């Protein structure tokens, strides 16, 4: 990988941005009690909820991964976001009112109220593992890729450690309020910077290139692909992506926690819809630039490097510093969201059960310690992601093995009164065992799995639903 020069002005912009965002996050932090630290006092208006939700969702898999996947396979990767917008409507209609009115701190807490504590502990544990090994490690790895492009000789692990310390410096002391207020700045920088980059892509022949692809009917600009497609087979759009979308937008503590901070159900719904509108824009500011990059920069060996490559090679001095700040903004906001989510899950779902007479201030200290430990684990794991093909593959494939049992349990819990605690627990366990077996076969034994992961997700979902229904009918109904 060749080094790309960056001058003093751009470096100064990046440094000033990092200093400002740390100061801003600390200035707006709230850690006086558990409600303030974990849910920002439940006082956020809709536009803050929406911007925060969008900033937290533009993770490494979206910004770095989706542009890389668009470079490699075309616009079909946008189907994940398109499905997500449909899921957001479902979430805002059915789930959001239940979440906010119940006064819960965590999504697993909702499962305990509907079923029992076993389901809560299982889901909370899965969320914590996913937060650390998928989200936090992925964000750190993506940040390291950007810095490695500038300084190829820099040690990957050292870059990851430095970036982790920067993100933690304001999130761990200030909690969700720090994260959300920092995300407001980061969301604006990200949107403006991405629009600038998109303009640069189109100005460098991108419009004519896209037009030629559409005129010729090239496969790279088709959202619907054949069943044999290795990236997004058409059947997977119908039966697989909705499962992942529900898990990501409606069951994911990292994102839903932003909605729980809304001051009312109506404000929360407006915030979700605002985030949905911004998500649709990713077709133009993330996916299309990735496709255009095939024309501008052919032969990139590692697709995940295409977005930072476009930034570094297309933008002039000053704008380059702004866009690099936008990249770091997306990754920092993701990491801050994950740390706060993880600390909330462990503190409210586990620690409060072990130490029932703990005061609110002590819970804040436990949350801060939890976030620190989670970050250390993510720092150790992040370099190992290099072994996978891409960030999108890493995240979506692992999620497709873990998400279906959780989605099935929530679905039956909401829409079928006969589903009981026994059915929910064994439905979760059966799906989890199947997912673990698939991962062991594929990643440990090295045996190829002939079914695409988007088609495996609905199979795991059906098995989990069937076990849940069978056990629920075979055992006494809930009171």
Protein backbone atom coordinates (compact mmCIF):
# COMPACT_ATOMS: atom_id res chain seq x y z
CA UNK A 1 0.00 0.00 0.00
CA UNK A 2 1.49 3.32 -1.07
CA UNK A 3 1.59 6.31 1.23
CA UNK A 4 -0.52 9.32 0.24
CA UNK A 5 0.77 12.75 1.25
CA UNK A 6 -1.33 14.95 3.49
CA UNK A 7 -0.23 18.51 4.20
CA UNK A 8 -0.13 20.61 7.34
CA UNK A 9 -3.50 22.34 6.74
CA UNK A 10 -5.40 19.07 6.52
CA UNK A 11 -3.60 17.65 9.55
CA UNK A 12 -4.46 20.80 11.50
CA UNK A 13 -8.15 20.49 10.57
CA UNK A 14 -8.24 16.88 11.77
CA UNK A 15 -6.44 17.65 15.03
CA UNK A 16 -8.69 20.64 15.73
CA UNK A 17 -11.76 18.54 15.02
CA UNK A 18 -10.65 15.82 17.44
CA UNK A 19 -9.90 18.36 20.17
CA UNK A 20 -13.25 20.09 19.63
CA UNK A 21 -15.32 16.89 19.64
CA UNK A 22 -13.71 15.71 22.89
CA UNK A 23 -14.32 19.10 24.53
CA UNK A 24 -17.90 19.23 23.24
CA UNK A 25 -18.69 15.71 24.42
CA UNK A 26 -17.28 16.33 27.91
CA UNK A 27 -19.03 19.70 28.15
CA UNK A 28 -22.43 18.14 27.42
CA UNK A 29 -22.01 14.97 29.46
CA UNK A 30 -24.45 13.93 32.19
CA UNK A 31 -23.39 11.44 34.83
CA UNK A 32 -25.16 12.54 38.01
CA UNK A 33 -27.49 9.51 38.04
CA UNK A 34 -28.32 6.38 36.04
CA UNK A 35 -31.16 7.97 34.07
CA UNK A 36 -28.94 10.83 32.94
CA UNK A 37 -25.89 8.69 32.19
CA UNK A 38 -27.58 5.83 30.33
CA UNK A 39 -30.56 7.58 28.68
CA UNK A 40 -29.67 11.31 28.72
CA UNK A 41 -32.60 12.01 31.05
CA UNK A 42 -35.18 10.99 28.37
CA UNK A 43 -35.46 14.61 27.19
CA UNK A 44 -34.28 14.57 23.55
CA UNK A 45 -36.38 16.19 20.77
CA UNK A 46 -37.05 14.41 17.47
CA UNK A 47 -34.37 16.09 15.37
CA UNK A 48 -31.64 15.23 17.87
CA UNK A 49 -32.90 11.64 18.06
CA UNK A 50 -32.90 11.39 14.25
CA UNK A 51 -29.44 12.86 13.72
CA UNK A 52 -28.00 10.77 16.53
CA UNK A 53 -29.64 7.62 15.18
CA UNK A 54 -28.26 8.27 11.71
CA UNK A 55 -24.76 9.06 12.98
CA UNK A 56 -24.70 5.91 15.13
CA UNK A 57 -25.98 3.76 12.25
CA UNK A 58 -23.34 5.01 9.80
CA UNK A 59 -20.86 2.57 11.19
CA UNK A 60 -17.72 1.15 9.63
CA UNK A 61 -19.85 -1.44 7.79
CA UNK A 62 -21.90 1.35 6.21
CA UNK A 63 -19.38 4.03 5.32
CA UNK A 64 -16.27 1.96 4.65
CA UNK A 65 -17.88 -1.43 4.05
CA UNK A 66 -20.80 -0.47 1.80
CA UNK A 67 -18.73 1.78 -0.44
CA UNK A 68 -16.22 -1.05 -0.72
CA UNK A 69 -18.96 -3.56 -1.50
CA UNK A 70 -20.42 -1.18 -4.11
CA UNK A 71 -16.95 -0.98 -5.68
CA UNK A 72 -16.71 -4.76 -5.72
CA UNK A 73 -20.28 -5.85 -6.59
CA UNK A 74 -22.37 -2.76 -7.46
CA UNK A 75 -25.41 -0.96 -6.05
CA UNK A 76 -27.12 -4.11 -4.71
CA UNK A 77 -25.57 -3.47 -1.29
CA UNK A 78 -28.03 -0.54 -0.96
CA UNK A 79 -30.76 -3.14 -0.45
CA UNK A 80 -29.66 -3.39 3.18
CA UNK A 81 -30.48 0.29 3.72
CA UNK A 82 -33.65 0.16 1.63
CA UNK A 83 -34.93 -2.76 3.69
CA UNK A 84 -33.89 -0.87 6.82
CA UNK A 85 -36.16 2.06 5.96
CA UNK A 86 -39.15 -0.31 5.62
CA UNK A 87 -38.22 -1.83 8.98
CA UNK A 88 -38.09 1.64 10.54
CA UNK A 89 -41.74 2.18 9.63
CA UNK A 90 -42.63 -1.14 11.29
CA UNK A 91 -40.53 -0.24 14.31
CA UNK A 92 -42.05 3.23 14.72
CA UNK A 93 -45.58 1.83 14.37
CA UNK A 94 -45.53 -1.26 16.60
CA UNK A 95 -42.45 -1.44 18.81
CA UNK A 96 -41.43 2.12 19.64
CA UNK A 97 -44.58 2.98 21.66
CA UNK A 98 -44.17 -0.18 23.74
CA UNK A 99 -40.50 0.53 24.40
CA UNK A 100 -40.91 4.17 25.44
CA UNK A 101 -44.13 3.78 27.49
CA UNK A 102 -42.71 0.82 29.40
CA UNK A 103 -39.88 3.01 30.74
CA UNK A 104 -37.22 0.37 30.05
CA UNK A 105 -33.47 1.07 29.99
CA UNK A 106 -32.57 -1.86 27.72
CA UNK A 107 -34.28 -3.92 25.02
CA UNK A 108 -33.53 -7.21 26.88
CA UNK A 109 -35.45 -5.72 29.83
CA UNK A 110 -38.54 -5.79 27.61
CA UNK A 111 -38.08 -9.54 27.09
CA UNK A 112 -38.06 -10.11 30.86
CA UNK A 113 -41.34 -8.26 31.24
CA UNK A 114 -42.91 -10.32 28.45
CA UNK A 115 -41.33 -13.67 29.34
CA UNK A 116 -38.77 -14.14 32.13
CA UNK A 117 -35.24 -13.25 33.17
CA UNK A 118 -33.64 -16.13 31.23
CA UNK A 119 -34.60 -14.56 27.90
CA UNK A 120 -33.36 -11.20 29.13
CA UNK A 121 -29.97 -12.59 30.17
CA UNK A 122 -29.54 -14.47 26.90
CA UNK A 123 -30.35 -11.51 24.67
CA UNK A 124 -28.32 -9.09 26.76
CA UNK A 125 -25.32 -11.41 26.57
CA UNK A 126 -25.67 -11.72 22.79
CA UNK A 127 -25.91 -7.93 22.46
CA UNK A 128 -22.78 -7.40 24.55
CA UNK A 129 -20.81 -9.94 22.52
CA UNK A 130 -22.03 -8.39 19.26
CA UNK A 131 -21.25 -4.88 20.45
CA UNK A 132 -17.67 -5.78 21.32
CA UNK A 133 -16.67 -8.22 18.57
CA UNK A 134 -18.75 -6.91 15.65
CA UNK A 135 -19.41 -3.21 16.16
CA UNK A 136 -16.62 -1.85 18.36
CA UNK A 137 -13.87 -3.98 16.84
CA UNK A 138 -15.17 -3.19 13.33
CA UNK A 139 -15.12 0.57 13.99
CA UNK A 140 -11.58 0.41 15.36
CA UNK A 141 -10.37 -1.67 12.43
CA UNK A 142 -11.95 0.72 9.89
CA UNK A 143 -10.29 3.70 11.56
CA UNK A 144 -6.96 1.90 11.42
CA UNK A 145 -7.40 1.30 7.67
CA UNK A 146 -7.69 5.05 7.09
CA UNK A 147 -4.58 5.88 9.10
CA UNK A 148 -2.63 3.02 7.48
CA UNK A 149 -3.35 4.54 4.09
CA UNK A 150 -1.62 7.72 5.23
CA UNK A 151 1.15 6.02 7.20
CA UNK A 152 1.70 2.47 5.86
CA UNK A 153 4.56 1.79 8.28
CA UNK A 154 2.47 2.57 11.36
CA UNK A 155 1.65 -0.39 13.59
CA UNK A 156 -2.00 -1.48 13.20
CA UNK A 157 -2.41 -2.30 16.89
CA UNK A 158 -0.95 1.04 17.98
CA UNK A 159 -3.34 2.95 15.68
CA UNK A 160 -6.27 1.02 17.13
CA UNK A 161 -5.21 1.82 20.70
CA UNK A 162 -4.83 5.56 19.99
CA UNK A 163 -8.21 5.76 18.27
CA UNK A 164 -9.87 3.84 21.12
CA UNK A 165 -8.48 6.28 23.68
CA UNK A 166 -9.76 9.27 21.68
CA UNK A 167 -13.31 7.89 21.43
CA UNK A 168 -13.38 6.80 25.06
CA UNK A 169 -12.11 10.13 26.41
CA UNK A 170 -15.56 11.75 26.32
CA UNK A 171 -17.99 8.80 26.04
CA UNK A 172 -17.00 6.94 29.21
CA UNK A 173 -17.07 10.00 31.52
CA UNK A 174 -20.19 11.63 30.04
CA UNK A 175 -22.46 8.75 29.03
CA UNK A 176 -25.24 8.86 26.43
CA UNK A 177 -25.63 12.63 26.62
CA UNK A 178 -21.99 13.10 25.62
CA UNK A 179 -22.35 10.58 22.81
CA UNK A 180 -25.55 12.13 21.42
CA UNK A 181 -24.32 15.72 21.54
CA UNK A 182 -21.06 14.73 19.86
CA UNK A 183 -23.04 12.80 17.25
CA UNK A 184 -24.96 15.94 16.30
CA UNK A 185 -21.71 17.59 15.21
CA UNK A 186 -20.47 14.38 13.63
CA UNK A 187 -23.69 13.83 11.65
CA UNK A 188 -23.49 17.30 10.12
CA UNK A 189 -19.81 16.87 9.22
CA UNK A 190 -20.50 13.43 7.77
CA UNK A 191 -23.39 14.60 5.59
CA UNK A 192 -21.60 17.71 4.33
CA UNK A 193 -18.34 15.84 3.71
CA UNK A 194 -20.05 12.97 1.89
CA UNK A 195 -21.96 15.39 -0.35
CA UNK A 196 -18.67 17.12 -1.23
CA UNK A 197 -17.05 13.79 -2.11
CA UNK A 198 -20.04 12.76 -4.22
CA UNK A 199 -19.77 16.03 -6.11
CA UNK A 200 -16.07 15.38 -6.72
CA UNK A 201 -16.86 11.90 -8.07
CA UNK A 202 -19.46 13.22 -10.50
CA UNK A 203 -17.20 16.10 -11.54
CA UNK A 204 -14.47 13.62 -12.50
CA UNK A 205 -16.54 11.78 -15.10
CA UNK A 206 -18.73 9.88 -12.67
CA UNK A 207 -22.05 11.01 -14.15
CA UNK A 208 -21.16 9.84 -17.67
CA UNK A 209 -19.84 6.55 -16.32
CA UNK A 210 -23.02 5.84 -14.33
CA UNK A 211 -25.17 6.82 -17.33
CA UNK A 212 -23.27 4.37 -19.54
CA UNK A 213 -23.80 1.59 -16.99
CA UNK A 214 -27.54 2.23 -16.84
CA UNK A 215 -27.85 2.41 -20.62
CA UNK A 216 -26.03 -0.87 -21.11
CA UNK A 217 -27.99 -2.62 -18.35
CA UNK A 218 -24.79 -3.52 -16.53
CA UNK A 219 -25.30 -5.87 -13.58
CA UNK A 220 -23.45 -3.51 -11.24
CA UNK A 221 -26.35 -1.01 -11.27
CA UNK A 222 -29.09 -3.58 -10.69
CA UNK A 223 -30.65 -3.84 -7.25
CA UNK A 224 -32.23 -7.22 -8.03
CA UNK A 225 -29.71 -9.99 -8.70
CA UNK A 226 -30.03 -13.65 -9.78
CA UNK A 227 -30.43 -16.35 -7.17
CA UNK A 228 -26.88 -17.48 -7.91
CA UNK A 229 -25.40 -14.06 -7.09
CA UNK A 230 -22.75 -14.37 -4.39
CA UNK A 231 -23.43 -10.92 -2.90
CA UNK A 232 -27.21 -10.39 -2.71
CA UNK A 233 -29.37 -13.14 -4.28
CA UNK A 234 -32.91 -11.90 -4.94
CA UNK A 235 -34.55 -14.38 -2.55
CA UNK A 236 -32.31 -13.11 0.24
CA UNK A 237 -33.84 -9.65 -0.19
CA UNK A 238 -37.24 -11.08 0.71
CA UNK A 239 -36.48 -13.64 3.40
CA UNK A 240 -33.06 -12.70 4.78
CA UNK A 241 -32.57 -8.94 4.82
CA UNK A 242 -35.80 -8.16 6.73
CA UNK A 243 -34.59 -10.40 9.56
CA UNK A 244 -31.26 -8.58 9.76
CA UNK A 245 -33.03 -5.23 9.39
CA UNK A 246 -35.40 -5.86 12.31
CA UNK A 247 -32.49 -6.93 14.49
CA UNK A 248 -30.38 -3.91 13.51
CA UNK A 249 -33.04 -1.20 13.77
CA UNK A 250 -35.60 -2.57 16.24
CA UNK A 251 -33.69 -4.90 18.59
CA UNK A 252 -30.23 -3.31 18.60
CA UNK A 253 -29.57 -1.63 21.95
CA UNK A 254 -26.98 0.69 20.43
CA UNK A 255 -29.54 2.28 18.10
CA UNK A 256 -32.77 1.87 20.04
CA UNK A 257 -31.14 3.51 23.05
CA UNK A 258 -31.16 6.76 21.09
CA UNK A 259 -34.92 6.43 20.59
CA UNK A 260 -35.44 5.63 24.29
CA UNK A 261 -33.90 9.02 25.07
CA UNK A 262 -36.82 10.78 23.29
CA UNK A 263 -39.08 12.89 25.49
CA UNK A 264 -42.24 11.31 24.07
CA UNK A 265 -43.51 8.59 21.72
CA UNK A 266 -44.32 11.20 19.07
CA UNK A 267 -40.82 12.71 19.24
CA UNK A 268 -39.31 9.24 19.00
CA UNK A 269 -41.38 8.40 15.91
CA UNK A 270 -40.43 11.62 14.16
CA UNK A 271 -36.78 10.97 14.98
CA UNK A 272 -36.92 7.48 13.45
CA UNK A 273 -38.56 8.80 10.27
CA UNK A 274 -35.95 11.56 10.01
CA UNK A 275 -33.19 8.95 10.30
CA UNK A 276 -34.95 6.92 7.59
CA UNK A 277 -34.93 9.86 5.20
CA UNK A 278 -31.22 10.40 5.80
CA UNK A 279 -30.59 6.68 5.29
CA UNK A 280 -32.16 6.82 1.81
CA UNK A 281 -29.59 9.46 0.90
CA UNK A 282 -26.78 6.92 1.37
CA UNK A 283 -27.51 5.69 -2.17
CA UNK A 284 -26.08 8.97 -3.47
CA UNK A 285 -23.39 9.75 -0.89
CA UNK A 286 -21.98 6.26 -0.27
CA UNK A 287 -23.10 3.67 -2.85
CA UNK A 288 -22.86 5.66 -6.11
CA UNK A 289 -19.38 6.99 -5.27
CA UNK A 290 -18.29 3.40 -4.65
CA UNK A 291 -19.52 2.34 -8.10
CA UNK A 292 -17.94 5.38 -9.78
CA UNK A 293 -14.63 4.53 -8.11
CA UNK A 294 -14.42 1.42 -10.30
CA UNK A 295 -13.92 3.81 -13.20
CA UNK A 296 -11.67 6.27 -11.38
CA UNK A 297 -9.48 3.82 -9.45
CA UNK A 298 -9.55 0.36 -11.08
CA UNK A 299 -7.58 -2.48 -9.59
CA UNK A 300 -7.89 -1.72 -5.87
CA UNK A 301 -7.06 -5.05 -4.23
CA UNK A 302 -8.87 -4.43 -0.93
CA UNK A 303 -12.36 -2.95 -1.59
CA UNK A 304 -12.64 -1.62 1.97
CA UNK A 305 -9.91 0.88 1.10
CA UNK A 306 -11.83 2.55 -1.75
CA UNK A 307 -13.66 5.20 0.30
CA UNK A 308 -10.56 6.63 2.01
CA UNK A 309 -8.73 6.34 -1.32
CA UNK A 310 -11.37 8.51 -3.02
CA UNK A 311 -11.14 11.04 -0.21
CA UNK A 312 -7.37 11.27 -0.38
CA UNK A 313 -7.09 11.41 -4.18
CA UNK A 314 -10.09 13.52 -5.21
CA UNK A 315 -10.32 16.30 -2.65
CA UNK A 316 -8.11 19.42 -2.51
CA UNK A 317 -6.35 20.83 0.54
CA UNK A 318 -8.79 21.90 3.23
CA UNK A 319 -11.65 19.79 1.89
CA UNK A 320 -9.45 16.74 2.37
CA UNK A 321 -9.09 17.56 6.05
CA UNK A 322 -12.86 18.09 6.37
CA UNK A 323 -13.64 14.77 4.72
CA UNK A 324 -11.10 12.85 6.75
CA UNK A 325 -12.76 14.40 9.78
CA UNK A 326 -16.09 13.12 8.40
CA UNK A 327 -14.66 9.62 8.15
CA UNK A 328 -13.36 9.77 11.69
CA UNK A 329 -16.68 11.31 12.76
CA UNK A 330 -18.62 8.30 11.52
CA UNK A 331 -16.30 5.85 13.19
CA UNK A 332 -16.04 7.81 16.44
CA UNK A 333 -19.81 8.19 16.74
CA UNK A 334 -20.26 4.47 16.18
CA UNK A 335 -17.71 3.58 18.82
CA UNK A 336 -19.14 6.01 21.37
CA UNK A 337 -22.64 4.61 20.78
CA UNK A 338 -21.40 1.05 21.23
CA UNK A 339 -19.52 1.78 24.45
CA UNK A 340 -22.54 3.44 26.04
CA UNK A 341 -24.83 0.64 24.88
CA UNK A 342 -22.54 -2.05 26.28
CA UNK A 343 -22.21 -0.34 29.66
CA UNK A 344 -26.01 0.06 29.84
CA UNK A 345 -26.64 -3.60 29.02
CA UNK A 346 -24.22 -4.99 31.58
CA UNK A 347 -25.12 -2.53 34.35
CA UNK A 348 -28.91 -2.64 34.04
CA UNK A 349 -29.36 -6.27 32.94
CA UNK A 350 -26.74 -8.01 35.08
CA UNK A 351 -25.19 -5.87 37.78
CA UNK A 352 -28.49 -4.56 39.18
CA UNK A 353 -29.62 -8.18 39.58
CA UNK A 354 -26.52 -9.09 41.57
CA UNK A 355 -26.45 -5.92 43.68
CA UNK A 356 -30.05 -4.88 44.19
CA UNK A 357 -29.52 -2.12 46.75
CA UNK A 358 -26.98 -0.13 44.76
CA UNK A 359 -27.48 3.63 44.51
CA UNK A 360 -27.76 5.38 41.17
CA UNK A 361 -24.35 7.05 41.35
CA UNK A 362 -22.61 3.71 41.90
CA UNK A 363 -24.34 2.33 38.80
CA UNK A 364 -22.73 5.12 36.77
CA UNK A 365 -19.28 4.04 38.00
CA UNK A 366 -20.05 0.42 37.09
CA UNK A 367 -21.12 1.54 33.61
CA UNK A 368 -17.90 3.48 33.12
CA UNK A 369 -15.79 0.50 34.20
CA UNK A 370 -17.76 -1.82 31.91
CA UNK A 371 -17.23 0.45 28.91
CA UNK A 372 -13.50 0.53 29.62
CA UNK A 373 -13.23 -3.27 29.79
CA UNK A 374 -15.31 -3.69 26.61
CA UNK A 375 -13.03 -1.28 24.79
CA UNK A 376 -9.90 -3.18 25.81
CA UNK A 377 -11.37 -6.44 24.49
CA UNK A 378 -12.34 -4.77 21.19
CA UNK A 379 -8.81 -3.36 20.84
CA UNK A 380 -7.34 -6.85 21.17
CA UNK A 381 -9.81 -8.41 18.70
CA UNK A 382 -9.88 -5.69 16.00
CA UNK A 383 -6.66 -6.69 14.13
CA UNK A 384 -8.09 -10.19 13.57
CA UNK A 385 -10.82 -8.79 11.29
CA UNK A 386 -8.15 -8.47 8.61
CA UNK A 387 -8.58 -12.20 7.98
CA UNK A 388 -12.11 -11.70 6.56
CA UNK A 389 -12.91 -10.67 2.96
CA UNK A 390 -14.56 -7.34 3.87
CA UNK A 391 -16.25 -5.47 6.70
CA UNK A 392 -19.70 -5.98 5.18
CA UNK A 393 -19.16 -9.72 4.93
CA UNK A 394 -17.76 -9.87 8.45
CA UNK A 395 -20.68 -7.99 10.03
CA UNK A 396 -23.68 -9.21 8.02
CA UNK A 397 -22.67 -12.86 7.97
CA UNK A 398 -22.03 -13.15 11.70
CA UNK A 399 -25.21 -11.18 12.43
CA UNK A 400 -27.23 -13.51 10.21
CA UNK A 401 -26.34 -16.40 12.55
CA UNK A 402 -27.11 -14.54 15.80
CA UNK A 403 -30.11 -12.35 14.90
CA UNK A 404 -32.87 -14.77 13.74
CA UNK A 405 -33.69 -16.37 17.14
CA UNK A 406 -33.96 -12.93 18.76
CA UNK A 407 -36.19 -11.56 15.99
CA UNK A 408 -38.42 -14.64 16.19
CA UNK A 409 -38.80 -14.32 19.94
CA UNK A 410 -39.77 -10.64 19.72
CA UNK A 411 -42.21 -11.38 16.88
CA UNK A 412 -44.09 -14.10 18.77
CA UNK A 413 -43.92 -12.16 22.00
CA UNK A 414 -45.66 -9.19 20.39
CA UNK A 415 -48.21 -10.89 18.18
CA UNK A 416 -49.02 -14.26 19.84
CA UNK A 417 -50.23 -14.23 23.42
CA UNK A 418 -49.80 -18.02 23.79
CA UNK A 419 -46.00 -17.78 23.51
CA UNK A 420 -44.64 -18.29 27.03
CA UNK A 421 -41.34 -18.12 28.91
CA UNK A 422 -40.41 -21.75 28.24
CA UNK A 423 -41.07 -21.41 24.51
CA UNK A 424 -39.14 -18.16 24.27
CA UNK A 425 -36.09 -19.53 26.07
CA UNK A 426 -35.85 -22.76 24.09
CA UNK A 427 -36.55 -20.97 20.84
CA UNK A 428 -33.59 -18.71 21.55
CA UNK A 429 -31.32 -21.58 22.56
CA UNK A 430 -32.19 -23.77 19.55
CA UNK A 431 -31.46 -20.98 17.08
CA UNK A 432 -28.24 -20.09 18.90
CA UNK A 433 -26.97 -23.69 18.79
CA UNK A 434 -27.65 -23.93 15.05
CA UNK A 435 -25.85 -20.64 14.43
CA UNK A 436 -22.82 -21.71 16.47
CA UNK A 437 -22.65 -25.06 14.64
CA UNK A 438 -22.66 -23.27 11.26
CA UNK A 439 -19.88 -20.92 12.37
CA UNK A 440 -17.78 -23.79 13.73
CA UNK A 441 -18.19 -25.76 10.51
CA UNK A 442 -17.30 -22.79 8.32
CA UNK A 443 -14.65 -20.91 10.30
CA UNK A 444 -13.05 -23.58 12.49
CA UNK A 445 -13.36 -26.77 10.42
CA UNK A 446 -12.96 -24.85 7.16
CA UNK A 447 -15.82 -26.71 5.46
CA UNK A 448 -17.65 -24.57 2.84
CA UNK A 449 -21.34 -23.94 3.54
CA UNK A 450 -23.19 -24.08 0.17
CA UNK A 451 -26.09 -21.83 1.25
CA UNK A 452 -25.76 -18.01 1.22
CA UNK A 453 -25.96 -16.46 4.68
CA UNK A 454 -29.01 -14.38 3.63
CA UNK A 455 -30.78 -17.67 2.93
CA UNK A 456 -29.56 -19.30 6.14
CA UNK A 457 -31.05 -16.50 8.27
CA UNK A 458 -34.70 -17.38 7.49
CA UNK A 459 -33.98 -21.07 8.11
CA UNK A 460 -32.69 -20.25 11.59
CA UNK A 461 -35.71 -18.00 12.11
CA UNK A 462 -38.22 -20.73 11.15
CA UNK A 463 -36.51 -23.29 13.39
CA UNK A 464 -36.54 -20.88 16.32
CA UNK A 465 -40.20 -19.98 15.73
CA UNK A 466 -41.18 -23.64 15.46
CA UNK A 467 -39.42 -24.59 18.70
CA UNK A 468 -40.92 -21.58 20.47
CA UNK A 469 -44.44 -22.46 19.31
CA UNK A 470 -44.10 -26.19 20.05
CA UNK A 471 -42.72 -25.72 23.56
CA UNK A 472 -45.26 -22.98 24.35
CA UNK A 473 -48.17 -25.22 23.32
CA UNK A 474 -46.72 -28.18 25.27
CA UNK A 475 -46.40 -26.19 28.50
CA UNK A 476 -48.95 -24.25 30.58
CA UNK A 477 -49.79 -20.76 29.29
CA UNK A 478 -48.50 -17.68 31.05
CA UNK A 479 -50.85 -16.11 33.63
